[in-house]
Amino acid sequence: MMSEVISVRVSREIKKELEAAGINTSEEVKRHLEELAWKTRSKRAIEEMNEVIRKRVKPSKKGFAAAQIREDRDGHS
């Protein structure tokens, strides 16, 4: 997999604080960006699926859900 370099500028105080805490900023930024990319892909996939559902699934008739619940309750009495 090819990689790219991203440069981030932060204040000296933030860098020192993170280093003092033993945080590998490079790994943390990389992990965060990978997670952000995953969330972005997931959101796009969900939006595409919702569009397919909107186009292909017809809405149920008014009262359908209540009738199904009533039928299910009556059948298990």
Protein backbone atom coordinates (compact mmCIF):
# COMPACT_ATOMS: atom_id res chain seq x y z
CA MET A 1 0.00 0.00 0.00
CA MET A 2 1.34 3.41 -0.93
CA SER A 3 1.46 6.03 1.79
CA GLU A 4 1.43 9.80 1.95
CA VAL A 5 2.97 12.20 4.41
CA ILE A 6 0.72 14.58 6.34
CA SER A 7 2.32 17.31 8.39
CA VAL A 8 0.59 18.81 11.43
CA ARG A 9 1.68 21.89 13.30
CA VAL A 10 0.88 22.15 17.03
CA SER A 11 2.14 24.42 19.78
CA ARG A 12 5.40 23.50 21.49
CA GLU A 13 3.54 23.16 24.82
CA ILE A 14 1.17 20.54 23.42
CA LYS A 15 4.03 18.58 21.89
CA LYS A 16 5.99 18.60 25.16
CA GLU A 17 2.94 17.60 27.20
CA LEU A 18 2.19 14.65 24.93
CA GLU A 19 5.83 13.55 24.90
CA ALA A 20 5.97 13.77 28.70
CA ALA A 21 2.92 11.52 28.87
CA GLY A 22 4.67 8.98 26.63
CA ILE A 23 2.19 9.41 23.80
CA ASN A 24 3.41 8.50 20.33
CA THR A 25 1.76 11.38 18.47
CA SER A 26 2.54 9.95 15.06
CA GLU A 27 0.76 6.67 15.88
CA GLU A 28 -2.16 8.45 17.56
CA VAL A 29 -2.72 10.77 14.59
CA LYS A 30 -2.43 7.82 12.19
CA ARG A 31 -4.92 5.75 14.24
CA HIS A 32 -7.36 8.66 14.43
CA LEU A 33 -7.21 9.32 10.68
CA GLU A 34 -7.71 5.63 9.90
CA GLU A 35 -10.75 5.56 12.20
CA LEU A 36 -12.10 8.74 10.60
CA ALA A 37 -11.69 7.23 7.13
CA TRP A 38 -13.51 4.06 8.27
CA LYS A 39 -16.38 6.12 9.69
CA THR A 40 -16.57 8.13 6.45
CA ARG A 41 -16.72 4.95 4.33
CA SER A 42 -19.33 3.45 6.65
CA LYS A 43 -21.49 6.57 6.53
CA ARG A 44 -21.31 6.63 2.73
CA ALA A 45 -22.25 2.94 2.51
CA ILE A 46 -25.21 3.44 4.85
CA GLU A 47 -26.41 6.42 2.81
CA GLU A 48 -26.17 4.34 -0.38
CA MET A 49 -28.13 1.48 1.24
CA ASN A 50 -30.78 3.89 2.49
CA GLU A 51 -31.14 5.27 -1.03
CA VAL A 52 -31.65 1.76 -2.41
CA ILE A 53 -34.25 1.07 0.27
CA ARG A 54 -36.07 4.35 -0.48
CA LYS A 55 -36.22 3.46 -4.17
CA ARG A 56 -37.16 -0.22 -3.88
CA VAL A 57 -39.21 -0.69 -0.70
CA LYS A 58 -42.79 0.48 -0.80
CA PRO A 59 -44.19 2.03 2.38
CA SER A 60 -46.59 -0.18 4.32
CA LYS A 61 -50.27 0.66 4.42
CA LYS A 62 -51.61 2.77 7.27
CA GLY A 63 -52.31 0.61 10.33
CA PHE A 64 -50.19 -2.31 9.08
CA ALA A 65 -47.81 -2.36 12.06
CA ALA A 66 -50.61 -2.18 14.63
CA ALA A 67 -52.47 -4.98 12.86
CA GLN A 68 -49.36 -7.19 12.81
CA ILE A 69 -48.73 -6.62 16.52
CA ARG A 70 -52.34 -7.35 17.37
CA GLU A 71 -52.23 -10.52 15.25
CA ASP A 72 -49.01 -11.63 16.93
CA ARG A 73 -50.41 -11.01 20.44
CA ASP A 74 -53.65 -12.84 19.66
CA GLY A 75 -51.74 -15.78 18.25
CA HIS A 76 -49.64 -16.25 21.40
CA SER A 77 -52.41 -16.00 24.00
